[in-house]
Amino acid sequence: MSNAPDWNSLQFIEFIFCFDRSGFAFEFLRRNIEYQKDYSEFVNYQNSSATSKVAFSDKWGLVFPG
């Protein structure tokens, strides 16, 4: 997640106009240090229970397709 482009670069500003709401929200969220930590823990240590997925998605306001 650390390879996110600089928010202030002209290239990124031009690129961001192509985003829909969810694309913009993801770009914003993935730069959040606390989210990065939680995501890493979720991916590396999640159990197969639906509870852990629901807790993670509820905390960050995420909706997973399917």
N, C-alpha and C. Protein backbone atom coordinates (compact mmCIF):
# COMPACT_ATOMS: atom_id res chain seq x y z
N MET A 1 0.80 -1.20 0.00
CA MET A 1 0.00 0.00 0.00
C MET A 1 0.84 1.26 0.00
N SER A 2 2.11 1.16 0.22
CA SER A 2 2.95 2.33 0.34
C SER A 2 3.32 2.94 -1.01
N ASN A 3 2.92 2.33 -2.10
CA ASN A 3 3.28 2.85 -3.42
C ASN A 3 2.24 3.82 -3.98
N ALA A 4 1.46 4.44 -3.12
CA ALA A 4 0.44 5.39 -3.55
C ALA A 4 1.09 6.64 -4.11
N PRO A 5 0.57 7.18 -5.21
CA PRO A 5 1.14 8.40 -5.77
C PRO A 5 0.94 9.60 -4.84
N ASP A 6 1.76 10.60 -5.03
CA ASP A 6 1.68 11.82 -4.23
C ASP A 6 0.39 12.57 -4.56
N TRP A 7 -0.39 12.88 -3.52
CA TRP A 7 -1.66 13.61 -3.69
C TRP A 7 -1.44 14.95 -4.40
N ASN A 8 -0.27 15.54 -4.22
CA ASN A 8 -0.03 16.89 -4.74
C ASN A 8 0.54 16.92 -6.15
N SER A 9 0.85 15.79 -6.72
CA SER A 9 1.45 15.79 -8.06
C SER A 9 0.39 16.11 -9.12
N LEU A 10 0.81 16.81 -10.14
CA LEU A 10 -0.10 17.16 -11.24
C LEU A 10 -0.63 15.90 -11.90
N GLN A 11 0.22 14.89 -12.03
CA GLN A 11 -0.19 13.63 -12.65
C GLN A 11 -1.34 12.99 -11.86
N PHE A 12 -1.25 12.99 -10.54
CA PHE A 12 -2.31 12.40 -9.73
C PHE A 12 -3.59 13.24 -9.79
N ILE A 13 -3.44 14.55 -9.77
CA ILE A 13 -4.62 15.42 -9.84
C ILE A 13 -5.39 15.16 -11.13
N GLU A 14 -4.68 14.99 -12.23
CA GLU A 14 -5.35 14.69 -13.50
C GLU A 14 -5.98 13.29 -13.46
N PHE A 15 -5.30 12.35 -12.84
CA PHE A 15 -5.77 10.98 -12.75
C PHE A 15 -7.03 10.87 -11.89
N ILE A 16 -7.10 11.65 -10.82
CA ILE A 16 -8.20 11.53 -9.85
C ILE A 16 -9.55 11.91 -10.46
N PHE A 17 -9.55 12.71 -11.49
CA PHE A 17 -10.81 13.10 -12.12
C PHE A 17 -11.51 11.93 -12.81
N CYS A 18 -10.81 10.82 -12.99
CA CYS A 18 -11.40 9.62 -13.59
C CYS A 18 -12.10 8.75 -12.56
N PHE A 19 -11.91 9.04 -11.28
CA PHE A 19 -12.48 8.20 -10.22
C PHE A 19 -13.97 8.42 -10.04
N ASP A 20 -14.67 7.34 -9.67
CA ASP A 20 -16.02 7.49 -9.16
C ASP A 20 -15.89 7.64 -7.64
N ARG A 21 -17.00 7.71 -6.93
CA ARG A 21 -16.94 7.90 -5.48
C ARG A 21 -16.16 6.81 -4.77
N SER A 22 -16.40 5.57 -5.15
CA SER A 22 -15.72 4.48 -4.47
C SER A 22 -14.22 4.48 -4.77
N GLY A 23 -13.84 4.84 -5.98
CA GLY A 23 -12.43 4.93 -6.33
C GLY A 23 -11.72 6.01 -5.54
N PHE A 24 -12.36 7.16 -5.41
CA PHE A 24 -11.78 8.24 -4.61
C PHE A 24 -11.69 7.84 -3.15
N ALA A 25 -12.75 7.22 -2.63
CA ALA A 25 -12.76 6.78 -1.22
C ALA A 25 -11.63 5.79 -0.96
N PHE A 26 -11.41 4.87 -1.89
CA PHE A 26 -10.33 3.90 -1.71
C PHE A 26 -8.97 4.59 -1.70
N GLU A 27 -8.75 5.53 -2.61
CA GLU A 27 -7.47 6.24 -2.64
C GLU A 27 -7.24 6.97 -1.32
N PHE A 28 -8.29 7.54 -0.77
CA PHE A 28 -8.18 8.25 0.51
C PHE A 28 -7.92 7.26 1.65
N LEU A 29 -8.70 6.19 1.68
CA LEU A 29 -8.61 5.21 2.77
C LEU A 29 -7.28 4.50 2.80
N ARG A 30 -6.76 4.11 1.66
CA ARG A 30 -5.53 3.32 1.65
C ARG A 30 -4.31 4.09 2.11
N ARG A 31 -4.41 5.38 2.25
CA ARG A 31 -3.32 6.20 2.78
C ARG A 31 -3.41 6.36 4.29
N ASN A 32 -4.48 5.88 4.88
CA ASN A 32 -4.69 5.99 6.32
C ASN A 32 -3.82 4.95 7.03
N ILE A 33 -2.95 5.41 7.92
CA ILE A 33 -2.00 4.52 8.60
C ILE A 33 -2.73 3.46 9.44
N GLU A 34 -3.78 3.86 10.13
CA GLU A 34 -4.53 2.90 10.95
C GLU A 34 -5.21 1.84 10.08
N TYR A 35 -5.75 2.26 8.93
CA TYR A 35 -6.36 1.31 8.01
C TYR A 35 -5.31 0.33 7.48
N GLN A 36 -4.14 0.84 7.12
CA GLN A 36 -3.07 -0.03 6.62
C GLN A 36 -2.72 -1.10 7.65
N LYS A 37 -2.64 -0.70 8.91
CA LYS A 37 -2.33 -1.65 9.98
C LYS A 37 -3.45 -2.68 10.11
N ASP A 38 -4.69 -2.21 10.17
CA ASP A 38 -5.82 -3.13 10.30
C ASP A 38 -5.93 -4.07 9.11
N TYR A 39 -5.71 -3.54 7.92
CA TYR A 39 -5.80 -4.36 6.71
C TYR A 39 -4.74 -5.45 6.73
N SER A 40 -3.53 -5.08 7.10
CA SER A 40 -2.45 -6.05 7.17
C SER A 40 -2.77 -7.17 8.15
N GLU A 41 -3.27 -6.79 9.32
CA GLU A 41 -3.66 -7.80 10.31
C GLU A 41 -4.80 -8.66 9.80
N PHE A 42 -5.77 -8.03 9.16
CA PHE A 42 -6.93 -8.76 8.63
C PHE A 42 -6.50 -9.80 7.60
N VAL A 43 -5.64 -9.39 6.68
CA VAL A 43 -5.20 -10.29 5.61
C VAL A 43 -4.31 -11.41 6.17
N ASN A 44 -3.42 -11.06 7.07
CA ASN A 44 -2.47 -12.05 7.58
C ASN A 44 -3.02 -12.97 8.65
N TYR A 45 -3.99 -12.50 9.43
CA TYR A 45 -4.41 -13.27 10.59
C TYR A 45 -5.89 -13.57 10.65
N GLN A 46 -6.64 -13.24 9.59
CA GLN A 46 -8.08 -13.46 9.65
C GLN A 46 -8.41 -14.95 9.78
N ASN A 47 -9.44 -15.20 10.53
CA ASN A 47 -9.92 -16.58 10.57
C ASN A 47 -11.03 -16.69 9.54
N SER A 48 -11.59 -17.83 9.39
CA SER A 48 -12.58 -18.03 8.34
C SER A 48 -13.98 -17.60 8.77
N SER A 49 -14.11 -17.07 9.97
CA SER A 49 -15.44 -16.70 10.44
C SER A 49 -15.94 -15.43 9.75
N ALA A 50 -17.22 -15.40 9.53
CA ALA A 50 -17.84 -14.23 8.94
C ALA A 50 -17.76 -13.05 9.89
N THR A 51 -17.64 -13.31 11.19
CA THR A 51 -17.60 -12.25 12.19
C THR A 51 -16.41 -11.33 11.98
N SER A 52 -15.23 -11.90 11.69
CA SER A 52 -14.05 -11.05 11.49
C SER A 52 -14.19 -10.19 10.25
N LYS A 53 -14.80 -10.72 9.21
CA LYS A 53 -15.02 -9.95 7.98
C LYS A 53 -16.01 -8.82 8.22
N VAL A 54 -17.07 -9.13 8.95
CA VAL A 54 -18.08 -8.12 9.25
C VAL A 54 -17.51 -7.02 10.13
N ALA A 55 -16.73 -7.40 11.13
CA ALA A 55 -16.13 -6.41 12.03
C ALA A 55 -15.20 -5.47 11.25
N PHE A 56 -14.37 -6.04 10.37
CA PHE A 56 -13.46 -5.23 9.58
C PHE A 56 -14.23 -4.30 8.65
N SER A 57 -15.20 -4.82 7.94
CA SER A 57 -15.96 -3.99 6.99
C SER A 57 -16.79 -2.94 7.71
N ASP A 58 -17.34 -3.28 8.86
CA ASP A 58 -18.12 -2.30 9.63
C ASP A 58 -17.25 -1.16 10.14
N LYS A 59 -16.06 -1.51 10.62
CA LYS A 59 -15.16 -0.49 11.16
C LYS A 59 -14.79 0.54 10.11
N TRP A 60 -14.55 0.08 8.89
CA TRP A 60 -14.06 0.98 7.83
C TRP A 60 -15.14 1.36 6.82
N GLY A 61 -16.36 0.90 7.01
CA GLY A 61 -17.45 1.28 6.12
C GLY A 61 -17.32 0.65 4.74
N LEU A 62 -16.78 -0.56 4.69
CA LEU A 62 -16.56 -1.22 3.41
C LEU A 62 -17.71 -2.13 3.04
N VAL A 63 -17.93 -2.26 1.75
CA VAL A 63 -18.93 -3.18 1.23
C VAL A 63 -18.22 -4.04 0.19
N PHE A 64 -18.25 -5.35 0.41
CA PHE A 64 -17.60 -6.27 -0.51
C PHE A 64 -18.63 -6.86 -1.46
N PRO A 65 -18.34 -6.86 -2.75
CA PRO A 65 -19.29 -7.44 -3.69
C PRO A 65 -19.48 -8.94 -3.44
N GLY A 66 -20.66 -9.42 -3.69
CA GLY A 66 -20.96 -10.83 -3.55
C GLY A 66 -21.30 -11.14 -2.16
